[in-house]
Amino acid sequence: MRILSVNVGRAVDAEWAGDLRRTAIDKRRAEGRVAVHDNGLDGDERADVANHGHPDQAVYAYAREDYDWWELHMGRDLRDGQFGENLTTSGADVSGALLGERWRVGTAVLEVTYPRIPCVVFRNWLDERGWVKRFTEAGRPGAYFRVVERGELGAGDGIEVLDRPSDGVTIAEAFRAYHGDADLMRRVLAVPGRSGKWDRVAERVLGSRTGVTTS
């Protein structure tokens, strides 16, 4: 398992980018080593900080294998970084990673926290009909990470799984929980140290306040 590409982008004005009219989804390959800070990669920005600026969404990874699958179904080439991810991986089942799983990439340590949720900006960026529904049904969301240890990383670095919960919830399962699977949501709520974002999602999915706090 390794990193194929490290991708960063600056926020720019764009009329198609939802209500904010500003986006940093256009991530491009960074050369050399890239510093990993508490809330993301050096040289990278997130325009919509209200929805994407949480430290539990500091780094986003997507698998090249999933891109290859999409190319077959979309009938178009997709470059590394086109889905707005910071890390394009090879040989890693990113959507099969578990909430709380920890990776060492370069000298940084990252922890899996949350699936990517498609939005209008993502849809407009790709200019694909019915994209939000198609992306959701495919169940290949990729994973967000929090930064546990700062460091640096670069293309070609290996991915070492430092810790994988023995009984956990995969990113693909968490994606289904977000979209209304109550049984999976209850399993998400049992994950120690999960992102606090899950408690707010659980209130919607389960229909009442959970009364559960993060561990």
N, C-alpha and C. Protein backbone atom coordinates (compact mmCIF):
# COMPACT_ATOMS: atom_id res chain seq x y z
N MET A 1 0.85 -1.19 0.00
CA MET A 1 0.00 0.00 0.00
C MET A 1 0.89 1.25 0.00
N ARG A 2 0.53 2.19 -0.85
CA ARG A 2 1.35 3.39 -0.93
C ARG A 2 0.54 4.58 -1.42
N ILE A 3 1.17 5.74 -1.36
CA ILE A 3 0.58 6.98 -1.84
C ILE A 3 1.04 7.22 -3.27
N LEU A 4 0.08 7.33 -4.18
CA LEU A 4 0.41 7.64 -5.58
C LEU A 4 0.62 9.13 -5.79
N SER A 5 -0.21 9.93 -5.13
CA SER A 5 -0.16 11.36 -5.34
C SER A 5 -0.63 12.09 -4.10
N VAL A 6 0.06 13.19 -3.78
CA VAL A 6 -0.37 14.10 -2.73
C VAL A 6 -0.91 15.34 -3.43
N ASN A 7 -2.14 15.74 -3.08
CA ASN A 7 -2.84 16.77 -3.84
C ASN A 7 -3.31 17.90 -2.92
N VAL A 8 -3.08 19.12 -3.34
CA VAL A 8 -3.49 20.29 -2.56
C VAL A 8 -4.13 21.31 -3.50
N GLY A 9 -4.90 22.22 -2.94
CA GLY A 9 -5.54 23.25 -3.75
C GLY A 9 -5.90 24.47 -2.93
N ARG A 10 -5.92 25.62 -3.59
CA ARG A 10 -6.32 26.87 -2.97
C ARG A 10 -7.77 27.19 -3.32
N ALA A 11 -8.44 27.90 -2.43
CA ALA A 11 -9.82 28.30 -2.67
C ALA A 11 -9.89 29.37 -3.75
N VAL A 12 -10.88 29.21 -4.63
CA VAL A 12 -11.10 30.18 -5.70
C VAL A 12 -12.59 30.48 -5.79
N ASP A 13 -12.92 31.63 -6.36
CA ASP A 13 -14.32 31.96 -6.60
C ASP A 13 -14.85 31.16 -7.77
N ALA A 14 -16.08 30.65 -7.63
CA ALA A 14 -16.71 29.87 -8.71
C ALA A 14 -18.21 29.99 -8.57
N GLU A 15 -18.88 30.46 -9.62
CA GLU A 15 -20.32 30.67 -9.58
C GLU A 15 -21.10 29.38 -9.35
N TRP A 16 -20.52 28.25 -9.76
CA TRP A 16 -21.21 26.96 -9.65
C TRP A 16 -21.04 26.31 -8.28
N ALA A 17 -20.25 26.94 -7.40
CA ALA A 17 -19.88 26.30 -6.14
C ALA A 17 -20.87 26.57 -5.02
N GLY A 18 -22.14 26.17 -5.23
CA GLY A 18 -23.13 26.27 -4.18
C GLY A 18 -23.39 27.69 -3.71
N ASP A 19 -23.97 27.82 -2.52
CA ASP A 19 -24.30 29.13 -1.98
C ASP A 19 -23.07 29.96 -1.68
N LEU A 20 -21.97 29.30 -1.32
CA LEU A 20 -20.75 30.02 -0.96
C LEU A 20 -20.08 30.65 -2.17
N ARG A 21 -20.26 30.04 -3.34
CA ARG A 21 -19.63 30.51 -4.59
C ARG A 21 -18.10 30.54 -4.48
N ARG A 22 -17.59 29.61 -3.70
CA ARG A 22 -16.14 29.53 -3.51
C ARG A 22 -15.79 28.08 -3.19
N THR A 23 -14.69 27.57 -3.74
CA THR A 23 -14.35 26.16 -3.56
C THR A 23 -12.84 25.94 -3.68
N ALA A 24 -12.37 24.86 -3.05
CA ALA A 24 -10.98 24.42 -3.20
C ALA A 24 -10.96 22.96 -3.63
N ILE A 25 -12.01 22.52 -4.34
CA ILE A 25 -12.10 21.11 -4.71
C ILE A 25 -11.07 20.72 -5.77
N ASP A 26 -10.56 21.68 -6.51
CA ASP A 26 -9.59 21.39 -7.58
C ASP A 26 -8.21 21.17 -6.97
N LYS A 27 -7.94 19.93 -6.56
CA LYS A 27 -6.66 19.58 -5.97
C LYS A 27 -5.69 19.12 -7.05
N ARG A 28 -4.46 19.60 -6.96
CA ARG A 28 -3.43 19.24 -7.94
C ARG A 28 -2.21 18.65 -7.23
N ARG A 29 -1.48 17.83 -7.98
CA ARG A 29 -0.33 17.12 -7.41
C ARG A 29 0.70 18.10 -6.85
N ALA A 30 1.13 17.83 -5.62
CA ALA A 30 2.19 18.60 -4.98
C ALA A 30 3.52 17.88 -5.19
N GLU A 31 4.53 18.62 -5.48
CA GLU A 31 5.86 18.03 -5.67
C GLU A 31 6.62 17.98 -4.35
N GLY A 32 7.45 16.95 -4.19
CA GLY A 32 8.29 16.85 -3.01
C GLY A 32 7.53 16.47 -1.75
N ARG A 33 8.15 16.77 -0.62
CA ARG A 33 7.55 16.45 0.66
C ARG A 33 6.57 17.53 1.07
N VAL A 34 5.48 17.12 1.72
CA VAL A 34 4.43 18.05 2.13
C VAL A 34 4.22 17.92 3.64
N ALA A 35 4.25 19.04 4.33
CA ALA A 35 4.06 19.02 5.78
C ALA A 35 2.60 18.75 6.12
N VAL A 36 2.41 17.95 7.18
CA VAL A 36 1.08 17.62 7.68
C VAL A 36 0.88 18.37 9.00
N HIS A 37 -0.06 19.29 9.01
CA HIS A 37 -0.36 20.08 10.20
C HIS A 37 -1.58 19.51 10.91
N ASP A 38 -1.92 20.09 12.05
CA ASP A 38 -3.05 19.58 12.83
C ASP A 38 -4.35 19.58 12.04
N ASN A 39 -4.52 20.55 11.15
CA ASN A 39 -5.79 20.65 10.43
C ASN A 39 -5.60 20.59 8.91
N GLY A 40 -4.62 19.80 8.46
CA GLY A 40 -4.49 19.59 7.03
C GLY A 40 -3.08 19.69 6.51
N LEU A 41 -2.96 19.64 5.19
CA LEU A 41 -1.66 19.64 4.53
C LEU A 41 -1.21 21.06 4.21
N ASP A 42 0.07 21.26 4.23
CA ASP A 42 0.64 22.54 3.86
C ASP A 42 0.27 22.87 2.42
N GLY A 43 -0.19 24.09 2.19
CA GLY A 43 -0.55 24.50 0.84
C GLY A 43 -1.96 24.16 0.43
N ASP A 44 -2.74 23.53 1.32
CA ASP A 44 -4.10 23.14 1.00
C ASP A 44 -5.09 24.02 1.75
N GLU A 45 -6.22 24.28 1.11
CA GLU A 45 -7.27 25.07 1.74
C GLU A 45 -8.61 24.35 1.62
N ARG A 46 -9.54 24.74 2.49
CA ARG A 46 -10.93 24.32 2.38
C ARG A 46 -11.78 25.59 2.41
N ALA A 47 -12.51 25.83 1.35
CA ALA A 47 -13.29 27.06 1.27
C ALA A 47 -14.48 27.04 2.22
N ASP A 48 -15.21 25.92 2.25
CA ASP A 48 -16.41 25.80 3.08
C ASP A 48 -16.01 25.25 4.45
N VAL A 49 -15.49 26.13 5.29
CA VAL A 49 -14.99 25.67 6.58
C VAL A 49 -16.12 25.24 7.51
N ALA A 50 -17.34 25.75 7.27
CA ALA A 50 -18.47 25.35 8.12
C ALA A 50 -18.76 23.87 7.98
N ASN A 51 -18.66 23.34 6.76
CA ASN A 51 -18.97 21.93 6.52
C ASN A 51 -17.75 21.05 6.35
N HIS A 52 -16.62 21.62 6.01
CA HIS A 52 -15.43 20.82 5.71
C HIS A 52 -14.18 21.23 6.50
N GLY A 53 -14.34 22.17 7.44
CA GLY A 53 -13.17 22.69 8.13
C GLY A 53 -12.84 22.05 9.46
N HIS A 54 -13.58 21.00 9.83
CA HIS A 54 -13.37 20.36 11.13
C HIS A 54 -12.04 19.59 11.13
N PRO A 55 -11.30 19.60 12.25
CA PRO A 55 -10.05 18.83 12.32
C PRO A 55 -10.22 17.34 12.04
N ASP A 56 -11.44 16.81 12.23
CA ASP A 56 -11.68 15.40 11.91
C ASP A 56 -11.82 15.18 10.41
N GLN A 57 -11.73 16.24 9.63
CA GLN A 57 -11.74 16.16 8.17
C GLN A 57 -10.48 16.83 7.61
N ALA A 58 -9.37 16.65 8.33
CA ALA A 58 -8.13 17.34 7.96
C ALA A 58 -7.54 16.83 6.66
N VAL A 59 -7.65 15.53 6.41
CA VAL A 59 -7.06 14.90 5.23
C VAL A 59 -8.08 13.95 4.63
N TYR A 60 -8.22 13.97 3.31
CA TYR A 60 -9.15 13.09 2.61
C TYR A 60 -8.37 12.19 1.66
N ALA A 61 -8.68 10.89 1.68
CA ALA A 61 -7.99 9.92 0.81
C ALA A 61 -8.98 9.19 -0.08
N TYR A 62 -8.55 8.91 -1.31
CA TYR A 62 -9.36 8.14 -2.25
C TYR A 62 -8.47 7.16 -2.98
N ALA A 63 -9.02 5.98 -3.26
CA ALA A 63 -8.21 4.89 -3.84
C ALA A 63 -8.20 4.97 -5.37
N ARG A 64 -7.02 4.77 -5.94
CA ARG A 64 -6.90 4.73 -7.40
C ARG A 64 -7.76 3.60 -7.98
N GLU A 65 -7.89 2.51 -7.24
CA GLU A 65 -8.71 1.40 -7.70
C GLU A 65 -10.17 1.81 -7.86
N ASP A 66 -10.65 2.68 -6.97
CA ASP A 66 -12.02 3.17 -7.10
C ASP A 66 -12.14 4.12 -8.28
N TYR A 67 -11.13 4.92 -8.53
CA TYR A 67 -11.11 5.75 -9.74
C TYR A 67 -11.21 4.88 -10.99
N ASP A 68 -10.46 3.78 -11.00
CA ASP A 68 -10.49 2.89 -12.17
C ASP A 68 -11.90 2.33 -12.39
N TRP A 69 -12.58 1.99 -11.28
CA TRP A 69 -13.96 1.51 -11.36
C TRP A 69 -14.86 2.60 -11.94
N TRP A 70 -14.70 3.82 -11.47
CA TRP A 70 -15.51 4.92 -11.96
C TRP A 70 -15.24 5.21 -13.43
N GLU A 71 -14.00 5.10 -13.86
CA GLU A 71 -13.70 5.34 -15.27
C GLU A 71 -14.49 4.41 -16.18
N LEU A 72 -14.62 3.16 -15.77
CA LEU A 72 -15.39 2.20 -16.55
C LEU A 72 -16.87 2.58 -16.61
N HIS A 73 -17.40 3.07 -15.50
CA HIS A 73 -18.81 3.39 -15.41
C HIS A 73 -19.15 4.78 -15.94
N MET A 74 -18.18 5.67 -15.96
CA MET A 74 -18.42 7.03 -16.42
C MET A 74 -17.99 7.24 -17.87
N GLY A 75 -17.12 6.36 -18.35
CA GLY A 75 -16.63 6.50 -19.71
C GLY A 75 -15.73 7.70 -19.92
N ARG A 76 -14.95 8.06 -18.90
CA ARG A 76 -14.03 9.20 -19.00
C ARG A 76 -12.83 8.96 -18.12
N ASP A 77 -11.73 9.61 -18.44
CA ASP A 77 -10.52 9.50 -17.63
C ASP A 77 -10.67 10.37 -16.38
N LEU A 78 -10.11 9.89 -15.30
CA LEU A 78 -10.13 10.62 -14.04
C LEU A 78 -8.70 10.69 -13.50
N ARG A 79 -8.20 11.88 -13.34
CA ARG A 79 -6.84 12.05 -12.83
C ARG A 79 -6.81 11.95 -11.31
N ASP A 80 -5.65 11.65 -10.76
CA ASP A 80 -5.47 11.69 -9.31
C ASP A 80 -5.82 13.09 -8.81
N GLY A 81 -6.60 13.15 -7.75
CA GLY A 81 -7.00 14.43 -7.17
C GLY A 81 -8.29 14.98 -7.71
N GLN A 82 -8.88 14.35 -8.71
CA GLN A 82 -10.07 14.91 -9.34
C GLN A 82 -11.29 14.91 -8.44
N PHE A 83 -11.35 14.01 -7.48
CA PHE A 83 -12.46 14.00 -6.53
C PHE A 83 -12.19 14.93 -5.33
N GLY A 84 -11.10 15.67 -5.39
CA GLY A 84 -10.78 16.61 -4.33
C GLY A 84 -10.03 16.00 -3.16
N GLU A 85 -9.48 14.79 -3.36
CA GLU A 85 -8.76 14.14 -2.26
C GLU A 85 -7.33 14.67 -2.13
N ASN A 86 -6.83 14.62 -0.90
CA ASN A 86 -5.44 14.99 -0.63
C ASN A 86 -4.47 13.86 -0.92
N LEU A 87 -4.91 12.62 -0.68
CA LEU A 87 -4.05 11.46 -0.87
C LEU A 87 -4.73 10.49 -1.82
N THR A 88 -4.10 10.22 -2.96
CA THR A 88 -4.56 9.18 -3.86
C THR A 88 -3.73 7.94 -3.56
N THR A 89 -4.40 6.84 -3.21
CA THR A 89 -3.70 5.65 -2.73
C THR A 89 -3.68 4.55 -3.78
N SER A 90 -2.77 3.61 -3.58
CA SER A 90 -2.70 2.40 -4.40
C SER A 90 -2.58 1.21 -3.46
N GLY A 91 -3.43 0.20 -3.68
CA GLY A 91 -3.35 -1.02 -2.88
C GLY A 91 -4.04 -0.96 -1.54
N ALA A 92 -4.70 0.15 -1.24
CA ALA A 92 -5.39 0.31 0.05
C ALA A 92 -6.90 0.33 -0.18
N ASP A 93 -7.63 -0.47 0.58
CA ASP A 93 -9.09 -0.46 0.51
C ASP A 93 -9.57 0.67 1.42
N VAL A 94 -9.57 1.88 0.89
CA VAL A 94 -9.86 3.05 1.72
C VAL A 94 -11.26 2.99 2.30
N SER A 95 -12.24 2.63 1.49
CA SER A 95 -13.61 2.57 2.00
C SER A 95 -13.84 1.37 2.91
N GLY A 96 -12.88 0.45 2.94
CA GLY A 96 -12.93 -0.68 3.85
C GLY A 96 -12.17 -0.44 5.13
N ALA A 97 -11.54 0.74 5.27
CA ALA A 97 -10.85 1.08 6.51
C ALA A 97 -11.88 1.27 7.62
N LEU A 98 -11.47 1.00 8.85
CA LEU A 98 -12.37 1.09 10.00
C LEU A 98 -12.28 2.45 10.68
N LEU A 99 -13.42 2.94 11.16
CA LEU A 99 -13.39 4.13 12.02
C LEU A 99 -12.42 3.87 13.17
N GLY A 100 -11.51 4.79 13.39
CA GLY A 100 -10.51 4.63 14.44
C GLY A 100 -9.23 3.97 14.00
N GLU A 101 -9.20 3.44 12.79
CA GLU A 101 -7.98 2.83 12.25
C GLU A 101 -6.90 3.90 12.07
N ARG A 102 -5.67 3.55 12.39
CA ARG A 102 -4.58 4.52 12.29
C ARG A 102 -3.54 4.10 11.25
N TRP A 103 -3.16 5.07 10.42
CA TRP A 103 -2.16 4.86 9.39
C TRP A 103 -0.94 5.73 9.66
N ARG A 104 0.24 5.15 9.43
CA ARG A 104 1.43 5.99 9.34
C ARG A 104 1.74 6.18 7.87
N VAL A 105 1.80 7.42 7.46
CA VAL A 105 2.14 7.78 6.08
C VAL A 105 3.29 8.78 6.16
N GLY A 106 4.44 8.42 5.63
CA GLY A 106 5.62 9.24 5.86
C GLY A 106 5.92 9.26 7.34
N THR A 107 6.05 10.45 7.91
CA THR A 107 6.29 10.55 9.36
C THR A 107 5.03 11.00 10.11
N ALA A 108 3.91 11.11 9.42
CA ALA A 108 2.65 11.52 10.05
C ALA A 108 1.81 10.30 10.42
N VAL A 109 0.98 10.46 11.44
CA VAL A 109 0.02 9.43 11.82
C VAL A 109 -1.39 10.02 11.66
N LEU A 110 -2.23 9.29 10.93
CA LEU A 110 -3.59 9.72 10.62
C LEU A 110 -4.59 8.70 11.14
N GLU A 111 -5.77 9.17 11.55
CA GLU A 111 -6.81 8.29 12.06
C GLU A 111 -8.11 8.45 11.27
N VAL A 112 -8.68 7.34 10.85
CA VAL A 112 -9.91 7.33 10.05
C VAL A 112 -11.09 7.83 10.89
N THR A 113 -11.85 8.78 10.32
CA THR A 113 -12.93 9.40 11.09
C THR A 113 -14.30 9.41 10.43
N TYR A 114 -14.36 9.53 9.07
CA TYR A 114 -15.64 9.90 8.47
C TYR A 114 -15.60 9.61 6.97
N PRO A 115 -16.72 9.24 6.38
CA PRO A 115 -16.77 9.06 4.93
C PRO A 115 -17.00 10.40 4.23
N ARG A 116 -16.67 10.45 2.96
CA ARG A 116 -16.97 11.64 2.16
C ARG A 116 -18.46 11.63 1.81
N ILE A 117 -19.13 12.76 2.05
CA ILE A 117 -20.55 12.89 1.72
C ILE A 117 -20.65 13.79 0.48
N PRO A 118 -21.23 13.30 -0.61
CA PRO A 118 -21.28 14.11 -1.83
C PRO A 118 -22.22 15.31 -1.68
N CYS A 119 -21.86 16.41 -2.33
CA CYS A 119 -22.62 17.64 -2.22
C CYS A 119 -22.78 18.28 -3.59
N VAL A 120 -23.47 19.40 -3.63
CA VAL A 120 -23.73 20.08 -4.90
C VAL A 120 -22.44 20.57 -5.56
N VAL A 121 -21.46 20.97 -4.76
CA VAL A 121 -20.20 21.43 -5.33
C VAL A 121 -19.49 20.28 -6.04
N PHE A 122 -19.47 19.12 -5.41
CA PHE A 122 -18.88 17.93 -6.02
C PHE A 122 -19.60 17.59 -7.32
N ARG A 123 -20.93 17.65 -7.31
CA ARG A 123 -21.71 17.36 -8.51
C ARG A 123 -21.39 18.35 -9.63
N ASN A 124 -21.40 19.63 -9.31
CA ASN A 124 -21.17 20.64 -10.33
C ASN A 124 -19.73 20.60 -10.86
N TRP A 125 -18.80 20.28 -9.98
CA TRP A 125 -17.40 20.18 -10.37
C TRP A 125 -17.20 19.10 -11.44
N LEU A 126 -17.83 17.94 -11.24
CA LEU A 126 -17.68 16.85 -12.20
C LEU A 126 -18.61 16.98 -13.40
N ASP A 127 -19.68 17.77 -13.25
CA ASP A 127 -20.65 17.97 -14.33
C ASP A 127 -21.20 16.64 -14.82
N GLU A 128 -21.64 15.81 -13.86
CA GLU A 128 -22.21 14.50 -14.16
C GLU A 128 -23.66 14.46 -13.72
N ARG A 129 -24.55 14.06 -14.60
CA ARG A 129 -25.97 13.99 -14.30
C ARG A 129 -26.23 12.99 -13.16
N GLY A 130 -27.04 13.39 -12.20
CA GLY A 130 -27.40 12.51 -11.09
C GLY A 130 -26.22 12.07 -10.24
N TRP A 131 -25.18 12.90 -10.16
CA TRP A 131 -23.93 12.45 -9.54
C TRP A 131 -24.08 12.12 -8.06
N VAL A 132 -24.79 12.94 -7.30
CA VAL A 132 -24.91 12.68 -5.86
C VAL A 132 -25.55 11.31 -5.62
N LYS A 133 -26.62 10.99 -6.34
CA LYS A 133 -27.26 9.70 -6.20
C LYS A 133 -26.34 8.57 -6.65
N ARG A 134 -25.66 8.73 -7.75
CA ARG A 134 -24.76 7.69 -8.27
C ARG A 134 -23.61 7.42 -7.32
N PHE A 135 -23.01 8.49 -6.80
CA PHE A 135 -21.89 8.33 -5.87
C PHE A 135 -22.35 7.63 -4.59
N THR A 136 -23.53 8.00 -4.12
CA THR A 136 -24.07 7.39 -2.90
C THR A 136 -24.35 5.91 -3.11
N GLU A 137 -25.00 5.57 -4.22
CA GLU A 137 -25.34 4.17 -4.49
C GLU A 137 -24.11 3.30 -4.70
N ALA A 138 -23.03 3.86 -5.22
CA ALA A 138 -21.82 3.08 -5.47
C ALA A 138 -21.14 2.64 -4.17
N GLY A 139 -21.29 3.42 -3.11
CA GLY A 139 -20.71 3.04 -1.81
C GLY A 139 -19.20 3.01 -1.78
N ARG A 140 -18.57 3.92 -2.52
CA ARG A 140 -17.11 4.03 -2.56
C ARG A 140 -16.73 5.46 -2.17
N PRO A 141 -16.98 5.85 -0.92
CA PRO A 141 -16.86 7.27 -0.57
C PRO A 141 -15.45 7.77 -0.30
N GLY A 142 -14.51 6.87 0.00
CA GLY A 142 -13.21 7.35 0.47
C GLY A 142 -13.32 7.80 1.91
N ALA A 143 -12.19 8.14 2.53
CA ALA A 143 -12.17 8.39 3.97
C ALA A 143 -11.50 9.70 4.34
N TYR A 144 -12.09 10.35 5.34
CA TYR A 144 -11.45 11.49 6.00
C TYR A 144 -10.64 10.98 7.20
N PHE A 145 -9.62 11.76 7.54
CA PHE A 145 -8.74 11.45 8.66
C PHE A 145 -8.54 12.67 9.53
N ARG A 146 -8.34 12.43 10.83
CA ARG A 146 -7.78 13.45 11.71
C ARG A 146 -6.28 13.23 11.81
N VAL A 147 -5.54 14.25 12.16
CA VAL A 147 -4.08 14.14 12.31
C VAL A 147 -3.77 13.84 13.77
N VAL A 148 -3.17 12.69 14.00
CA VAL A 148 -2.79 12.28 15.35
C VAL A 148 -1.37 12.75 15.66
N GLU A 149 -0.49 12.62 14.68
CA GLU A 149 0.89 13.10 14.82
C GLU A 149 1.26 13.86 13.55
N ARG A 150 1.74 15.08 13.72
CA ARG A 150 2.19 15.86 12.59
C ARG A 150 3.46 15.26 12.01
N GLY A 151 3.73 15.58 10.76
CA GLY A 151 4.93 15.07 10.10
C GLY A 151 4.99 15.58 8.68
N GLU A 152 5.50 14.75 7.78
CA GLU A 152 5.51 15.09 6.37
C GLU A 152 5.35 13.81 5.56
N LEU A 153 4.87 13.98 4.34
CA LEU A 153 4.64 12.83 3.48
C LEU A 153 4.81 13.24 2.02
N GLY A 154 4.85 12.24 1.15
CA GLY A 154 5.02 12.53 -0.26
C GLY A 154 4.62 11.33 -1.11
N ALA A 155 4.48 11.56 -2.40
CA ALA A 155 4.15 10.47 -3.32
C ALA A 155 5.21 9.39 -3.22
N GLY A 156 4.77 8.13 -3.23
CA GLY A 156 5.68 7.00 -3.11
C GLY A 156 5.80 6.46 -1.70
N ASP A 157 5.35 7.21 -0.70
CA ASP A 157 5.42 6.74 0.68
C ASP A 157 4.51 5.53 0.87
N GLY A 158 4.97 4.59 1.68
CA GLY A 158 4.15 3.46 2.03
C GLY A 158 3.10 3.83 3.06
N ILE A 159 2.05 3.03 3.12
CA ILE A 159 1.00 3.19 4.13
C ILE A 159 1.12 2.02 5.10
N GLU A 160 1.38 2.33 6.36
CA GLU A 160 1.49 1.31 7.39
C GLU A 160 0.28 1.42 8.32
N VAL A 161 -0.47 0.35 8.45
CA VAL A 161 -1.60 0.35 9.38
C VAL A 161 -1.04 0.06 10.78
N LEU A 162 -1.07 1.07 11.63
CA LEU A 162 -0.52 0.94 12.98
C LEU A 162 -1.50 0.27 13.93
N ASP A 163 -2.78 0.55 13.74
CA ASP A 163 -3.79 0.01 14.65
C ASP A 163 -5.11 -0.13 13.89
N ARG A 164 -5.75 -1.28 14.03
CA ARG A 164 -7.04 -1.53 13.38
C ARG A 164 -7.96 -2.15 14.42
N PRO A 165 -9.05 -1.47 14.78
CA PRO A 165 -9.96 -2.02 15.80
C PRO A 165 -10.38 -3.45 15.45
N SER A 166 -10.47 -4.29 16.46
CA SER A 166 -10.81 -5.70 16.23
C SER A 166 -12.26 -5.88 15.82
N ASP A 167 -13.13 -5.00 16.27
CA ASP A 167 -14.55 -5.10 15.94
C ASP A 167 -15.06 -3.69 15.67
N GLY A 168 -15.00 -3.27 14.42
CA GLY A 168 -15.32 -1.89 14.13
C GLY A 168 -16.31 -1.73 12.99
N VAL A 169 -16.40 -0.51 12.52
CA VAL A 169 -17.31 -0.12 11.45
C VAL A 169 -16.48 0.43 10.30
N THR A 170 -16.67 -0.13 9.11
CA THR A 170 -15.91 0.36 7.96
C THR A 170 -16.47 1.70 7.50
N ILE A 171 -15.66 2.40 6.71
CA ILE A 171 -16.10 3.66 6.13
C ILE A 171 -17.33 3.44 5.24
N ALA A 172 -17.34 2.35 4.47
CA ALA A 172 -18.51 2.06 3.63
C ALA A 172 -19.76 1.85 4.48
N GLU A 173 -19.61 1.16 5.62
CA GLU A 173 -20.75 0.96 6.52
C GLU A 173 -21.17 2.28 7.17
N ALA A 174 -20.19 3.08 7.55
CA ALA A 174 -20.50 4.38 8.15
C ALA A 174 -21.24 5.28 7.16
N PHE A 175 -20.89 5.16 5.89
CA PHE A 175 -21.57 5.90 4.82
C PHE A 175 -23.04 5.51 4.77
N ARG A 176 -23.31 4.22 4.89
CA ARG A 176 -24.69 3.73 4.92
C ARG A 176 -25.41 4.20 6.19
N ALA A 177 -24.67 4.24 7.30
CA ALA A 177 -25.27 4.74 8.54
C ALA A 177 -25.69 6.19 8.38
N TYR A 178 -24.85 6.99 7.77
CA TYR A 178 -25.16 8.40 7.53
C TYR A 178 -26.45 8.53 6.74
N HIS A 179 -26.66 7.61 5.79
CA HIS A 179 -27.82 7.69 4.92
C HIS A 179 -29.03 6.94 5.45
N GLY A 180 -29.02 6.60 6.76
CA GLY A 180 -30.25 6.15 7.37
C GLY A 180 -30.30 4.75 7.93
N ASP A 181 -29.20 3.99 7.87
CA ASP A 181 -29.22 2.63 8.42
C ASP A 181 -29.07 2.73 9.95
N ALA A 182 -30.18 2.54 10.66
CA ALA A 182 -30.19 2.74 12.10
C ALA A 182 -29.31 1.74 12.84
N ASP A 183 -29.31 0.48 12.40
CA ASP A 183 -28.49 -0.53 13.07
C ASP A 183 -27.00 -0.19 12.96
N LEU A 184 -26.58 0.23 11.78
CA LEU A 184 -25.19 0.62 11.60
C LEU A 184 -24.87 1.89 12.39
N MET A 185 -25.82 2.80 12.49
CA MET A 185 -25.58 4.01 13.26
C MET A 185 -25.35 3.68 14.73
N ARG A 186 -26.10 2.73 15.26
CA ARG A 186 -25.88 2.34 16.65
C ARG A 186 -24.48 1.75 16.83
N ARG A 187 -24.00 1.03 15.83
CA ARG A 187 -22.63 0.50 15.89
C ARG A 187 -21.61 1.63 15.84
N VAL A 188 -21.88 2.64 15.02
CA VAL A 188 -20.99 3.81 14.96
C VAL A 188 -20.90 4.46 16.32
N LEU A 189 -22.02 4.60 17.01
CA LEU A 189 -22.04 5.25 18.31
C LEU A 189 -21.26 4.47 19.37
N ALA A 190 -21.00 3.20 19.10
CA ALA A 190 -20.23 2.38 20.05
C ALA A 190 -18.73 2.46 19.80
N VAL A 191 -18.31 3.20 18.75
CA VAL A 191 -16.88 3.29 18.42
C VAL A 191 -16.20 4.27 19.38
N PRO A 192 -15.22 3.82 20.15
CA PRO A 192 -14.52 4.73 21.06
C PRO A 192 -13.79 5.83 20.28
N GLY A 193 -13.87 7.06 20.80
CA GLY A 193 -13.12 8.15 20.20
C GLY A 193 -13.63 8.61 18.85
N ARG A 194 -14.83 8.21 18.48
CA ARG A 194 -15.37 8.61 17.17
C ARG A 194 -15.48 10.13 17.11
N SER A 195 -15.58 10.64 15.90
CA SER A 195 -15.78 12.07 15.70
C SER A 195 -17.10 12.51 16.32
N GLY A 196 -17.09 13.68 16.95
CA GLY A 196 -18.31 14.24 17.52
C GLY A 196 -19.37 14.53 16.46
N LYS A 197 -18.96 14.62 15.20
CA LYS A 197 -19.92 14.83 14.12
C LYS A 197 -20.96 13.72 14.08
N TRP A 198 -20.57 12.51 14.50
CA TRP A 198 -21.49 11.38 14.44
C TRP A 198 -22.68 11.54 15.38
N ASP A 199 -22.50 12.23 16.50
CA ASP A 199 -23.62 12.40 17.44
C ASP A 199 -24.72 13.24 16.81
N ARG A 200 -24.32 14.25 16.05
CA ARG A 200 -25.32 15.09 15.38
C ARG A 200 -26.03 14.32 14.27
N VAL A 201 -25.27 13.50 13.54
CA VAL A 201 -25.88 12.69 12.49
C VAL A 201 -26.85 11.67 13.12
N ALA A 202 -26.44 11.10 14.24
CA ALA A 202 -27.27 10.08 14.90
C ALA A 202 -28.61 10.64 15.33
N GLU A 203 -28.66 11.92 15.74
CA GLU A 203 -29.93 12.51 16.12
C GLU A 203 -30.91 12.50 14.94
N ARG A 204 -30.40 12.74 13.74
CA ARG A 204 -31.25 12.71 12.56
C ARG A 204 -31.66 11.28 12.20
N VAL A 205 -30.69 10.36 12.21
CA VAL A 205 -30.97 8.98 11.77
C VAL A 205 -31.85 8.24 12.76
N LEU A 206 -31.61 8.42 14.04
CA LEU A 206 -32.34 7.67 15.06
C LEU A 206 -33.58 8.40 15.56
N GLY A 207 -33.73 9.66 15.15
CA GLY A 207 -34.98 10.36 15.43
C GLY A 207 -35.10 10.98 16.80
N SER A 208 -34.03 10.95 17.58
CA SER A 208 -34.06 11.59 18.90
C SER A 208 -32.65 11.83 19.35
N ARG A 209 -32.49 12.62 20.37
CA ARG A 209 -31.16 12.85 20.93
C ARG A 209 -30.64 11.55 21.53
N THR A 210 -29.36 11.28 21.24
CA THR A 210 -28.81 9.98 21.65
C THR A 210 -28.38 9.96 23.12
N GLY A 211 -27.98 11.11 23.63
CA GLY A 211 -27.47 11.14 24.99
C GLY A 211 -26.13 10.46 25.14
N VAL A 212 -25.47 10.22 23.99
CA VAL A 212 -24.17 9.56 24.00
C VAL A 212 -23.11 10.58 23.64
N THR A 213 -22.02 10.60 24.39
CA THR A 213 -20.93 11.51 24.10
C THR A 213 -19.74 10.72 23.60
N THR A 214 -18.81 11.44 22.95
CA THR A 214 -17.62 10.77 22.43
C THR A 214 -16.75 10.29 23.59
N SER A 215 -16.02 9.20 23.34
CA SER A 215 -15.17 8.64 24.39
C SER A 215 -13.82 9.34 24.39
